Amino acid sequence: MLLGKKRKLGRKIKEMTVGEKLSLTEKIEDKDLLLYLGLTDDANPLYIQHDYASQTPFKKPIVPAIMLTGILTSAISKYLPGPGSRILSQEIEFPKPVYHYGTVHFLFEVIEVNQPDHFVMIQVLGHNEINEVVIQGKVKVCPPYPLEGLDGQALENF
């Protein structure tokens, strides 16, 4: 938790370069799924009912795509470019399902830095534990703007 702690902004656009990468691994646990489903009131049987999912081509419950998108957007907010950044658009595909207790290895790569329009394009690729692509796409991100008078100081949380 960040309460009571100061936090610096993420990287400014002038500090970013094409080819920068971030690697992140996430394991999908029951607690994460239950939190997501509770917050969204999503009762899709494909996500939670083993008896239903066993009758589908998936054979067992799968992780909601938007939950994977949430992990992706959180990584952008936390790391690349980091705090203060904003997602402008995203084009994401989910070619294979992720199953409960699955592990996703994400790779983020900056493929464009557009200083005049103040955005970076980040390519995202995610593989499961058997190296199948489960998420792929591009995210257009507005890095944090430099703030006047901060001079590298940390920001107070509100």
N, C-alpha and C. Protein backbone atom coordinates (compact mmCIF):
# COMPACT_ATOMS: atom_id res chain seq x y z
N MET A 1 0.84 -1.18 0.00
CA MET A 1 0.00 0.00 0.00
C MET A 1 0.88 1.24 0.00
N LEU A 2 0.44 2.26 -0.66
CA LEU A 2 1.25 3.46 -0.79
C LEU A 2 0.84 4.57 0.16
N LEU A 3 -0.13 4.32 1.03
CA LEU A 3 -0.54 5.36 1.95
C LEU A 3 0.63 5.80 2.81
N GLY A 4 0.80 7.10 2.91
CA GLY A 4 1.88 7.61 3.73
C GLY A 4 3.24 7.60 3.04
N LYS A 5 3.31 7.11 1.83
CA LYS A 5 4.58 7.07 1.11
C LYS A 5 4.53 8.05 -0.05
N LYS A 6 5.66 8.61 -0.38
CA LYS A 6 5.75 9.48 -1.55
C LYS A 6 6.14 8.63 -2.75
N ARG A 7 5.68 9.04 -3.92
CA ARG A 7 5.93 8.25 -5.13
C ARG A 7 6.36 9.17 -6.26
N LYS A 8 7.35 8.76 -6.98
CA LYS A 8 7.83 9.54 -8.12
C LYS A 8 6.99 9.22 -9.36
N LEU A 9 7.00 10.18 -10.28
CA LEU A 9 6.33 9.96 -11.55
C LEU A 9 7.15 9.01 -12.41
N GLY A 10 6.50 8.43 -13.40
CA GLY A 10 7.19 7.54 -14.33
C GLY A 10 8.10 8.31 -15.28
N ARG A 11 8.57 7.62 -16.28
CA ARG A 11 9.55 8.19 -17.20
C ARG A 11 8.88 9.16 -18.17
N LYS A 12 9.53 10.28 -18.39
CA LYS A 12 9.06 11.28 -19.34
C LYS A 12 9.37 10.80 -20.76
N ILE A 13 8.67 11.37 -21.73
CA ILE A 13 8.84 10.93 -23.12
C ILE A 13 10.27 11.13 -23.61
N LYS A 14 10.95 12.17 -23.14
CA LYS A 14 12.33 12.43 -23.58
C LYS A 14 13.30 11.38 -23.05
N GLU A 15 12.90 10.65 -22.05
CA GLU A 15 13.75 9.60 -21.46
C GLU A 15 13.52 8.23 -22.10
N MET A 16 12.54 8.13 -22.98
CA MET A 16 12.17 6.83 -23.55
C MET A 16 12.76 6.65 -24.94
N THR A 17 13.11 5.38 -25.26
CA THR A 17 13.68 5.07 -26.57
C THR A 17 13.05 3.80 -27.14
N VAL A 18 13.01 3.75 -28.47
CA VAL A 18 12.52 2.56 -29.16
C VAL A 18 13.43 1.39 -28.78
N GLY A 19 12.82 0.24 -28.52
CA GLY A 19 13.58 -0.97 -28.18
C GLY A 19 13.61 -1.27 -26.69
N GLU A 20 13.18 -0.33 -25.85
CA GLU A 20 13.13 -0.61 -24.40
C GLU A 20 12.15 -1.74 -24.15
N LYS A 21 12.49 -2.60 -23.19
CA LYS A 21 11.64 -3.76 -22.92
C LYS A 21 11.36 -3.91 -21.43
N LEU A 22 10.24 -4.52 -21.14
CA LEU A 22 9.87 -4.89 -19.78
C LEU A 22 9.32 -6.30 -19.83
N SER A 23 9.80 -7.14 -18.94
CA SER A 23 9.32 -8.51 -18.83
C SER A 23 8.61 -8.66 -17.50
N LEU A 24 7.49 -9.36 -17.51
CA LEU A 24 6.68 -9.51 -16.30
C LEU A 24 5.98 -10.87 -16.34
N THR A 25 5.97 -11.57 -15.22
CA THR A 25 5.27 -12.86 -15.15
C THR A 25 4.19 -12.78 -14.09
N GLU A 26 2.98 -13.22 -14.45
CA GLU A 26 1.85 -13.21 -13.53
C GLU A 26 1.21 -14.59 -13.48
N LYS A 27 0.94 -15.07 -12.28
CA LYS A 27 0.19 -16.32 -12.10
C LYS A 27 -1.23 -15.95 -11.69
N ILE A 28 -2.20 -16.53 -12.36
CA ILE A 28 -3.61 -16.22 -12.09
C ILE A 28 -4.10 -17.13 -10.97
N GLU A 29 -4.40 -16.55 -9.84
CA GLU A 29 -4.86 -17.29 -8.67
C GLU A 29 -6.37 -17.13 -8.49
N ASP A 30 -6.98 -18.04 -7.74
CA ASP A 30 -8.42 -17.97 -7.47
C ASP A 30 -8.81 -16.64 -6.84
N LYS A 31 -8.01 -16.15 -5.91
CA LYS A 31 -8.36 -14.90 -5.22
C LYS A 31 -8.46 -13.75 -6.22
N ASP A 32 -7.59 -13.72 -7.22
CA ASP A 32 -7.63 -12.67 -8.24
C ASP A 32 -8.91 -12.77 -9.07
N LEU A 33 -9.25 -13.99 -9.47
CA LEU A 33 -10.48 -14.21 -10.24
C LEU A 33 -11.72 -13.83 -9.43
N LEU A 34 -11.76 -14.24 -8.18
CA LEU A 34 -12.92 -13.94 -7.35
C LEU A 34 -13.08 -12.44 -7.12
N LEU A 35 -11.97 -11.74 -6.92
CA LEU A 35 -12.03 -10.28 -6.77
C LEU A 35 -12.58 -9.64 -8.03
N TYR A 36 -12.05 -10.03 -9.18
CA TYR A 36 -12.50 -9.47 -10.45
C TYR A 36 -14.00 -9.74 -10.65
N LEU A 37 -14.39 -11.00 -10.50
CA LEU A 37 -15.79 -11.36 -10.74
C LEU A 37 -16.72 -10.68 -9.75
N GLY A 38 -16.28 -10.50 -8.51
CA GLY A 38 -17.08 -9.80 -7.52
C GLY A 38 -17.23 -8.32 -7.84
N LEU A 39 -16.15 -7.69 -8.26
CA LEU A 39 -16.19 -6.26 -8.59
C LEU A 39 -17.06 -5.98 -9.80
N THR A 40 -17.02 -6.87 -10.78
CA THR A 40 -17.75 -6.62 -12.03
C THR A 40 -19.13 -7.27 -12.05
N ASP A 41 -19.42 -8.10 -11.05
CA ASP A 41 -20.68 -8.85 -11.00
C ASP A 41 -20.85 -9.69 -12.27
N ASP A 42 -19.75 -10.25 -12.74
CA ASP A 42 -19.73 -11.05 -13.96
C ASP A 42 -19.91 -12.52 -13.56
N ALA A 43 -21.03 -13.09 -13.94
CA ALA A 43 -21.32 -14.47 -13.58
C ALA A 43 -21.28 -15.40 -14.80
N ASN A 44 -20.47 -15.07 -15.77
CA ASN A 44 -20.35 -15.90 -16.96
C ASN A 44 -19.93 -17.30 -16.53
N PRO A 45 -20.72 -18.33 -16.84
CA PRO A 45 -20.38 -19.68 -16.40
C PRO A 45 -19.06 -20.19 -16.99
N LEU A 46 -18.62 -19.61 -18.09
CA LEU A 46 -17.35 -20.02 -18.69
C LEU A 46 -16.17 -19.67 -17.78
N TYR A 47 -16.37 -18.68 -16.89
CA TYR A 47 -15.30 -18.25 -15.99
C TYR A 47 -15.30 -18.98 -14.66
N ILE A 48 -16.46 -19.51 -14.25
CA ILE A 48 -16.55 -20.02 -12.87
C ILE A 48 -17.15 -21.41 -12.69
N GLN A 49 -17.84 -21.92 -13.68
CA GLN A 49 -18.53 -23.20 -13.49
C GLN A 49 -17.81 -24.33 -14.23
N HIS A 50 -17.19 -25.20 -13.45
CA HIS A 50 -16.46 -26.32 -14.05
C HIS A 50 -17.37 -27.23 -14.86
N ASP A 51 -18.59 -27.48 -14.35
CA ASP A 51 -19.49 -28.38 -15.07
C ASP A 51 -19.89 -27.80 -16.42
N TYR A 52 -20.13 -26.49 -16.48
CA TYR A 52 -20.46 -25.87 -17.76
C TYR A 52 -19.24 -25.86 -18.68
N ALA A 53 -18.11 -25.36 -18.18
CA ALA A 53 -16.90 -25.22 -19.00
C ALA A 53 -16.43 -26.56 -19.55
N SER A 54 -16.67 -27.64 -18.80
CA SER A 54 -16.24 -28.97 -19.25
C SER A 54 -16.99 -29.42 -20.51
N GLN A 55 -18.15 -28.81 -20.77
CA GLN A 55 -18.95 -29.15 -21.96
C GLN A 55 -18.60 -28.29 -23.16
N THR A 56 -17.67 -27.36 -22.99
CA THR A 56 -17.26 -26.46 -24.09
C THR A 56 -15.93 -26.94 -24.67
N PRO A 57 -15.52 -26.38 -25.79
CA PRO A 57 -14.20 -26.74 -26.34
C PRO A 57 -13.04 -26.38 -25.41
N PHE A 58 -13.28 -25.50 -24.43
CA PHE A 58 -12.21 -25.11 -23.49
C PHE A 58 -11.95 -26.17 -22.44
N LYS A 59 -12.95 -26.99 -22.15
CA LYS A 59 -12.87 -28.12 -21.21
C LYS A 59 -12.79 -27.72 -19.73
N LYS A 60 -12.39 -26.48 -19.43
CA LYS A 60 -12.33 -26.02 -18.04
C LYS A 60 -12.46 -24.50 -18.03
N PRO A 61 -12.76 -23.91 -16.86
CA PRO A 61 -12.97 -22.46 -16.80
C PRO A 61 -11.75 -21.66 -17.27
N ILE A 62 -12.05 -20.53 -17.91
CA ILE A 62 -11.00 -19.67 -18.42
C ILE A 62 -10.99 -18.32 -17.70
N VAL A 63 -9.90 -17.61 -17.87
CA VAL A 63 -9.72 -16.28 -17.27
C VAL A 63 -10.34 -15.24 -18.21
N PRO A 64 -11.14 -14.31 -17.67
CA PRO A 64 -11.72 -13.26 -18.52
C PRO A 64 -10.63 -12.44 -19.21
N ALA A 65 -10.84 -12.13 -20.47
CA ALA A 65 -9.86 -11.36 -21.25
C ALA A 65 -9.60 -10.00 -20.61
N ILE A 66 -10.63 -9.38 -20.07
CA ILE A 66 -10.46 -8.05 -19.49
C ILE A 66 -9.56 -8.10 -18.26
N MET A 67 -9.50 -9.23 -17.60
CA MET A 67 -8.61 -9.38 -16.45
C MET A 67 -7.15 -9.37 -16.91
N LEU A 68 -6.88 -10.01 -18.05
CA LEU A 68 -5.53 -9.98 -18.63
C LEU A 68 -5.19 -8.55 -19.08
N THR A 69 -6.17 -7.86 -19.63
CA THR A 69 -5.97 -6.47 -20.02
C THR A 69 -5.65 -5.62 -18.79
N GLY A 70 -6.29 -5.93 -17.67
CA GLY A 70 -6.01 -5.21 -16.43
C GLY A 70 -4.57 -5.39 -15.97
N ILE A 71 -4.05 -6.59 -16.10
CA ILE A 71 -2.65 -6.84 -15.73
C ILE A 71 -1.74 -6.02 -16.64
N LEU A 72 -2.06 -6.01 -17.91
CA LEU A 72 -1.29 -5.25 -18.90
C LEU A 72 -1.31 -3.75 -18.58
N THR A 73 -2.48 -3.18 -18.33
CA THR A 73 -2.57 -1.75 -18.07
C THR A 73 -1.90 -1.40 -16.74
N SER A 74 -1.97 -2.28 -15.78
CA SER A 74 -1.30 -2.06 -14.50
C SER A 74 0.21 -2.00 -14.67
N ALA A 75 0.76 -2.86 -15.51
CA ALA A 75 2.21 -2.86 -15.77
C ALA A 75 2.64 -1.54 -16.41
N ILE A 76 1.81 -1.01 -17.30
CA ILE A 76 2.11 0.28 -17.92
C ILE A 76 2.07 1.39 -16.87
N SER A 77 1.08 1.36 -16.01
CA SER A 77 0.95 2.37 -14.95
C SER A 77 2.07 2.29 -13.93
N LYS A 78 2.54 1.08 -13.65
CA LYS A 78 3.57 0.91 -12.62
C LYS A 78 4.99 1.05 -13.14
N TYR A 79 5.25 0.57 -14.38
CA TYR A 79 6.62 0.42 -14.83
C TYR A 79 7.01 1.12 -16.13
N LEU A 80 6.21 1.00 -17.16
CA LEU A 80 6.64 1.46 -18.48
C LEU A 80 5.51 2.19 -19.19
N PRO A 81 5.44 3.50 -19.16
CA PRO A 81 6.38 4.45 -18.60
C PRO A 81 6.29 4.62 -17.09
N GLY A 82 5.17 4.24 -16.48
CA GLY A 82 5.06 4.30 -15.03
C GLY A 82 4.03 5.32 -14.55
N PRO A 83 4.08 5.63 -13.25
CA PRO A 83 3.07 6.51 -12.65
C PRO A 83 2.92 7.84 -13.38
N GLY A 84 1.67 8.23 -13.61
CA GLY A 84 1.36 9.47 -14.31
C GLY A 84 1.06 9.26 -15.78
N SER A 85 1.24 8.04 -16.29
CA SER A 85 0.97 7.77 -17.70
C SER A 85 -0.52 7.46 -17.89
N ARG A 86 -0.95 7.59 -19.13
CA ARG A 86 -2.37 7.36 -19.48
C ARG A 86 -2.45 6.59 -20.78
N ILE A 87 -3.29 5.56 -20.80
CA ILE A 87 -3.50 4.79 -22.03
C ILE A 87 -4.48 5.54 -22.92
N LEU A 88 -4.07 5.75 -24.17
CA LEU A 88 -4.89 6.47 -25.13
C LEU A 88 -5.73 5.53 -25.99
N SER A 89 -5.15 4.39 -26.35
CA SER A 89 -5.89 3.40 -27.13
C SER A 89 -5.17 2.06 -27.01
N GLN A 90 -5.90 1.01 -27.35
CA GLN A 90 -5.30 -0.32 -27.32
C GLN A 90 -5.95 -1.20 -28.37
N GLU A 91 -5.15 -2.07 -28.93
CA GLU A 91 -5.61 -3.05 -29.91
C GLU A 91 -5.05 -4.39 -29.44
N ILE A 92 -5.90 -5.19 -28.81
CA ILE A 92 -5.45 -6.40 -28.14
C ILE A 92 -6.21 -7.61 -28.69
N GLU A 93 -5.49 -8.71 -28.87
CA GLU A 93 -6.10 -9.99 -29.28
C GLU A 93 -5.77 -11.04 -28.24
N PHE A 94 -6.63 -12.02 -28.14
CA PHE A 94 -6.48 -13.13 -27.19
C PHE A 94 -6.60 -14.45 -27.95
N PRO A 95 -5.54 -14.87 -28.67
CA PRO A 95 -5.64 -16.04 -29.56
C PRO A 95 -5.89 -17.36 -28.84
N LYS A 96 -5.43 -17.50 -27.61
CA LYS A 96 -5.64 -18.74 -26.84
C LYS A 96 -6.15 -18.36 -25.45
N PRO A 97 -6.94 -19.21 -24.82
CA PRO A 97 -7.42 -18.90 -23.48
C PRO A 97 -6.33 -19.09 -22.42
N VAL A 98 -6.51 -18.39 -21.33
CA VAL A 98 -5.69 -18.61 -20.13
C VAL A 98 -6.61 -19.30 -19.13
N TYR A 99 -6.12 -20.36 -18.51
CA TYR A 99 -6.92 -21.13 -17.57
C TYR A 99 -6.60 -20.73 -16.13
N HIS A 100 -7.52 -21.07 -15.24
CA HIS A 100 -7.29 -20.84 -13.82
C HIS A 100 -5.94 -21.43 -13.43
N TYR A 101 -5.22 -20.74 -12.60
CA TYR A 101 -3.87 -21.11 -12.13
C TYR A 101 -2.82 -21.05 -13.24
N GLY A 102 -3.18 -20.46 -14.39
CA GLY A 102 -2.22 -20.32 -15.48
C GLY A 102 -1.20 -19.23 -15.17
N THR A 103 -0.09 -19.30 -15.87
CA THR A 103 0.96 -18.29 -15.75
C THR A 103 1.12 -17.61 -17.10
N VAL A 104 1.19 -16.29 -17.08
CA VAL A 104 1.39 -15.53 -18.31
C VAL A 104 2.69 -14.76 -18.20
N HIS A 105 3.54 -14.95 -19.20
CA HIS A 105 4.82 -14.23 -19.30
C HIS A 105 4.61 -13.10 -20.30
N PHE A 106 4.60 -11.88 -19.80
CA PHE A 106 4.38 -10.71 -20.65
C PHE A 106 5.72 -10.11 -21.08
N LEU A 107 5.76 -9.62 -22.33
CA LEU A 107 6.90 -8.86 -22.81
C LEU A 107 6.34 -7.57 -23.43
N PHE A 108 6.78 -6.45 -22.89
CA PHE A 108 6.39 -5.13 -23.38
C PHE A 108 7.60 -4.53 -24.09
N GLU A 109 7.38 -3.94 -25.27
CA GLU A 109 8.49 -3.30 -25.98
C GLU A 109 8.02 -1.99 -26.59
N VAL A 110 8.79 -0.93 -26.36
CA VAL A 110 8.50 0.37 -26.96
C VAL A 110 8.88 0.27 -28.44
N ILE A 111 7.89 0.48 -29.32
CA ILE A 111 8.16 0.37 -30.75
C ILE A 111 8.07 1.72 -31.46
N GLU A 112 7.60 2.75 -30.76
CA GLU A 112 7.54 4.09 -31.35
C GLU A 112 7.57 5.11 -30.21
N VAL A 113 8.33 6.17 -30.42
CA VAL A 113 8.33 7.32 -29.50
C VAL A 113 8.01 8.54 -30.34
N ASN A 114 6.85 9.14 -30.11
CA ASN A 114 6.40 10.29 -30.88
C ASN A 114 6.38 11.51 -29.95
N GLN A 115 7.50 12.23 -29.91
CA GLN A 115 7.59 13.38 -29.00
C GLN A 115 6.64 14.51 -29.38
N PRO A 116 6.50 14.87 -30.70
CA PRO A 116 5.60 15.98 -31.03
C PRO A 116 4.15 15.75 -30.56
N ASP A 117 3.66 14.53 -30.67
CA ASP A 117 2.28 14.22 -30.25
C ASP A 117 2.21 13.62 -28.85
N HIS A 118 3.35 13.52 -28.18
CA HIS A 118 3.48 13.06 -26.79
C HIS A 118 2.83 11.69 -26.55
N PHE A 119 3.29 10.69 -27.31
CA PHE A 119 2.84 9.33 -27.03
C PHE A 119 3.94 8.34 -27.39
N VAL A 120 3.86 7.18 -26.77
CA VAL A 120 4.71 6.04 -27.14
C VAL A 120 3.78 4.90 -27.49
N MET A 121 4.23 4.06 -28.43
CA MET A 121 3.49 2.86 -28.79
C MET A 121 4.24 1.68 -28.17
N ILE A 122 3.51 0.87 -27.45
CA ILE A 122 4.12 -0.29 -26.78
C ILE A 122 3.49 -1.56 -27.33
N GLN A 123 4.33 -2.45 -27.81
CA GLN A 123 3.88 -3.76 -28.27
C GLN A 123 3.85 -4.70 -27.08
N VAL A 124 2.79 -5.50 -26.99
CA VAL A 124 2.63 -6.43 -25.87
C VAL A 124 2.47 -7.84 -26.41
N LEU A 125 3.18 -8.76 -25.80
CA LEU A 125 3.08 -10.17 -26.17
C LEU A 125 3.06 -10.97 -24.88
N GLY A 126 2.10 -11.90 -24.77
CA GLY A 126 2.01 -12.74 -23.58
C GLY A 126 1.94 -14.20 -23.97
N HIS A 127 2.76 -15.03 -23.32
CA HIS A 127 2.78 -16.48 -23.54
C HIS A 127 2.37 -17.19 -22.27
N ASN A 128 1.70 -18.33 -22.43
CA ASN A 128 1.36 -19.15 -21.27
C ASN A 128 2.52 -20.08 -20.93
N GLU A 129 2.29 -20.96 -19.96
CA GLU A 129 3.37 -21.83 -19.48
C GLU A 129 3.84 -22.85 -20.50
N ILE A 130 3.08 -23.06 -21.58
CA ILE A 130 3.55 -23.97 -22.63
C ILE A 130 3.93 -23.19 -23.90
N ASN A 131 4.20 -21.91 -23.71
CA ASN A 131 4.73 -21.02 -24.74
C ASN A 131 3.76 -20.70 -25.88
N GLU A 132 2.45 -20.83 -25.64
CA GLU A 132 1.46 -20.41 -26.62
C GLU A 132 1.18 -18.92 -26.41
N VAL A 133 0.96 -18.20 -27.51
CA VAL A 133 0.60 -16.79 -27.41
C VAL A 133 -0.84 -16.69 -26.91
N VAL A 134 -1.04 -15.99 -25.80
CA VAL A 134 -2.39 -15.84 -25.23
C VAL A 134 -2.88 -14.40 -25.27
N ILE A 135 -1.97 -13.46 -25.48
CA ILE A 135 -2.35 -12.05 -25.62
C ILE A 135 -1.30 -11.37 -26.47
N GLN A 136 -1.78 -10.52 -27.39
CA GLN A 136 -0.85 -9.77 -28.24
C GLN A 136 -1.53 -8.49 -28.69
N GLY A 137 -0.74 -7.47 -28.89
CA GLY A 137 -1.31 -6.23 -29.38
C GLY A 137 -0.40 -5.04 -29.17
N LYS A 138 -1.01 -3.87 -29.32
CA LYS A 138 -0.30 -2.61 -29.19
C LYS A 138 -1.11 -1.69 -28.29
N VAL A 139 -0.39 -0.89 -27.51
CA VAL A 139 -1.03 0.07 -26.62
C VAL A 139 -0.38 1.43 -26.85
N LYS A 140 -1.20 2.42 -27.12
CA LYS A 140 -0.72 3.79 -27.30
C LYS A 140 -0.82 4.48 -25.95
N VAL A 141 0.31 5.01 -25.48
CA VAL A 141 0.39 5.53 -24.11
C VAL A 141 0.92 6.96 -24.09
N CYS A 142 0.30 7.79 -23.30
CA CYS A 142 0.77 9.15 -23.04
C CYS A 142 1.62 9.09 -21.77
N PRO A 143 2.95 9.25 -21.88
CA PRO A 143 3.78 9.24 -20.67
C PRO A 143 3.47 10.45 -19.79
N PRO A 144 3.91 10.42 -18.54
CA PRO A 144 3.62 11.57 -17.66
C PRO A 144 4.24 12.85 -18.20
N TYR A 145 3.54 13.93 -18.03
CA TYR A 145 4.06 15.24 -18.42
C TYR A 145 4.97 15.76 -17.31
N PRO A 146 6.02 16.49 -17.67
CA PRO A 146 6.85 17.09 -16.63
C PRO A 146 6.01 18.14 -15.89
N LEU A 147 6.16 18.19 -14.59
CA LEU A 147 5.41 19.15 -13.79
C LEU A 147 6.31 20.31 -13.41
N GLU A 148 5.76 21.50 -13.40
CA GLU A 148 6.54 22.68 -13.05
C GLU A 148 6.87 22.66 -11.56
N GLY A 149 8.08 23.04 -11.25
CA GLY A 149 8.47 23.22 -9.85
C GLY A 149 8.69 21.95 -9.06
N LEU A 150 8.61 20.78 -9.67
CA LEU A 150 8.79 19.56 -8.91
C LEU A 150 10.27 19.21 -8.75
N ASP A 151 11.04 19.43 -9.81
CA ASP A 151 12.49 19.20 -9.79
C ASP A 151 12.86 17.85 -9.17
N GLY A 152 12.21 16.80 -9.59
CA GLY A 152 12.56 15.45 -9.14
C GLY A 152 12.04 15.09 -7.76
N GLN A 153 11.26 15.96 -7.16
CA GLN A 153 10.71 15.64 -5.85
C GLN A 153 9.60 14.60 -5.98
N ALA A 154 9.31 13.96 -4.89
CA ALA A 154 8.24 12.97 -4.89
C ALA A 154 6.90 13.68 -4.67
N LEU A 155 5.84 13.04 -5.12
CA LEU A 155 4.49 13.57 -4.95
C LEU A 155 3.83 12.96 -3.73
N GLU A 156 2.99 13.74 -3.08
CA GLU A 156 2.20 13.21 -1.97
C GLU A 156 1.01 12.47 -2.56
N ASN A 157 0.64 11.36 -1.95
CA ASN A 157 -0.59 10.68 -2.36
C ASN A 157 -1.77 11.45 -1.78
N PHE A 158 -2.90 11.34 -2.48
CA PHE A 158 -4.07 12.05 -1.97
C PHE A 158 -5.01 11.09 -1.32
